[in-house]
C-alpha atoms as a PDB file:
ATOM      1  CA  MET A   1      -1.213   3.844 -20.022  1.00  0.00           C
ATOM      2  CA  SER A   2      -2.058   1.955 -23.171  1.00  0.00           C
ATOM      3  CA  LYS A   3      -5.583   1.954 -24.538  1.00  0.00           C
ATOM      4  CA  GLY A   4      -5.956  -1.761 -23.986  1.00  0.00           C
ATOM      5  CA  LEU A   5      -4.983  -1.527 -20.341  1.00  0.00           C
ATOM      6  CA  SER A   6      -7.300   1.453 -19.832  1.00  0.00           C
ATOM      7  CA  LEU A   7     -10.126  -0.496 -21.427  1.00  0.00           C
ATOM      8  CA  TRP A   8      -9.403  -3.467 -19.154  1.00  0.00           C
ATOM      9  CA  PHE A   9      -9.595  -1.357 -15.994  1.00  0.00           C
ATOM     10  CA  ALA A  10     -12.730   0.418 -17.183  1.00  0.00           C
ATOM     11  CA  CYS A  11     -14.557  -2.792 -18.066  1.00  0.00           C
ATOM     12  CA  SER A  12     -13.462  -4.677 -14.957  1.00  0.00           C
ATOM     13  CA  SER A  13     -14.534  -1.779 -12.747  1.00  0.00           C
ATOM     14  CA  ILE A  14     -17.927  -1.606 -14.445  1.00  0.00           C
ATOM     15  CA  LEU A  15     -18.419  -5.351 -14.043  1.00  0.00           C
ATOM     16  CA  LEU A  16     -17.430  -5.289 -10.372  1.00  0.00           C
ATOM     17  CA  LEU A  17     -19.686  -2.331  -9.591  1.00  0.00           C
ATOM     18  CA  SER A  18     -22.575  -3.919 -11.503  1.00  0.00           C
ATOM     19  CA  ALA A  19     -22.126  -7.177  -9.636  1.00  0.00           C
ATOM     20  CA  SER A  20     -22.068  -5.234  -6.384  1.00  0.00           C
ATOM     21  CA  ALA A  21     -25.297  -3.434  -7.272  1.00  0.00           C
ATOM     22  CA  ILE A  22     -27.027  -6.683  -8.217  1.00  0.00           C
ATOM     23  CA  SER A  23     -25.879  -8.495  -5.088  1.00  0.00           C
ATOM     24  CA  ILE A  24     -27.243  -5.804  -2.748  1.00  0.00           C
ATOM     25  CA  SER A  25     -30.677  -7.421  -2.808  1.00  0.00           C
ATOM     26  CA  HIS A  26     -29.311 -10.931  -2.308  1.00  0.00           C
ATOM     27  CA  ASN A  27     -26.366 -10.746   0.075  1.00  0.00           C
ATOM     28  CA  VAL A  28     -25.190  -7.535   1.724  1.00  0.00           C
ATOM     29  CA  LEU A  29     -21.795  -8.920   2.756  1.00  0.00           C
ATOM     30  CA  LEU A  30     -21.051  -9.978  -0.810  1.00  0.00           C
ATOM     31  CA  ALA A  31     -22.093  -6.538  -2.027  1.00  0.00           C
ATOM     32  CA  ILE A  32     -19.725  -4.873   0.436  1.00  0.00           C
ATOM     33  CA  LEU A  33     -16.896  -7.199  -0.572  1.00  0.00           C
ATOM     34  CA  LEU A  34     -17.445  -6.485  -4.269  1.00  0.00           C
ATOM     35  CA  ALA A  35     -17.617  -2.742  -3.625  1.00  0.00           C
ATOM     36  CA  ILE A  36     -14.307  -2.816  -1.747  1.00  0.00           C
ATOM     37  CA  LEU A  37     -12.773  -4.927  -4.499  1.00  0.00           C
ATOM     38  CA  SER A  38     -13.945  -2.477  -7.149  1.00  0.00           C
ATOM     39  CA  VAL A  39     -12.472   0.480  -5.243  1.00  0.00           C
ATOM     40  CA  PHE A  40      -9.141  -1.354  -5.038  1.00  0.00           C
ATOM     41  CA  ASN A  41      -9.346  -2.119  -8.767  1.00  0.00           C
ATOM     42  CA  ILE A  42      -9.926   1.534  -9.614  1.00  0.00           C
ATOM     43  CA  GLY A  43      -7.098   2.591  -7.286  1.00  0.00           C
ATOM     44  CA  TRP A  44      -4.762   0.028  -8.806  1.00  0.00           C
ATOM     45  CA  GLY A  45      -5.527   1.472 -12.237  1.00  0.00           C
ATOM     46  CA  PHE A  46      -4.570   4.963 -11.050  1.00  0.00           C
ATOM     47  CA  ILE A  47      -1.365   3.614  -9.479  1.00  0.00           C
ATOM     48  CA  ILE A  48      -0.338   1.894 -12.710  1.00  0.00           C
ATOM     49  CA  LYS A  49      -1.159   5.045 -14.683  1.00  0.00           C
ATOM     50  CA  ALA A  50       1.023   7.169 -12.394  1.00  0.00           C
ATOM     51  CA  LYS A  51       3.921   4.694 -12.548  1.00  0.00           C
ATOM     52  CA  ARG A  52       3.810   4.562 -16.339  1.00  0.00           C
ATOM     53  CA  ARG A  53       3.655   8.346 -16.560  1.00  0.00           C
ATOM     54  CA  ARG A  54       6.844   8.662 -14.475  1.00  0.00           C
ATOM     55  CA  SER A  55       8.736   6.218 -16.685  1.00  0.00           C
END
């Protein structure tokens, strides 16, 4: 995986997890949604990394 793409997944995951942590005190459902979205984002990054490694 290129450095730019790795940086994108790292930063987007940090932003999603930070938004989830902040929203815990305001809206629990939004926090859960953001946490699930961040897990999918991290998983998608690992999937792309594995696909690029095979190629």
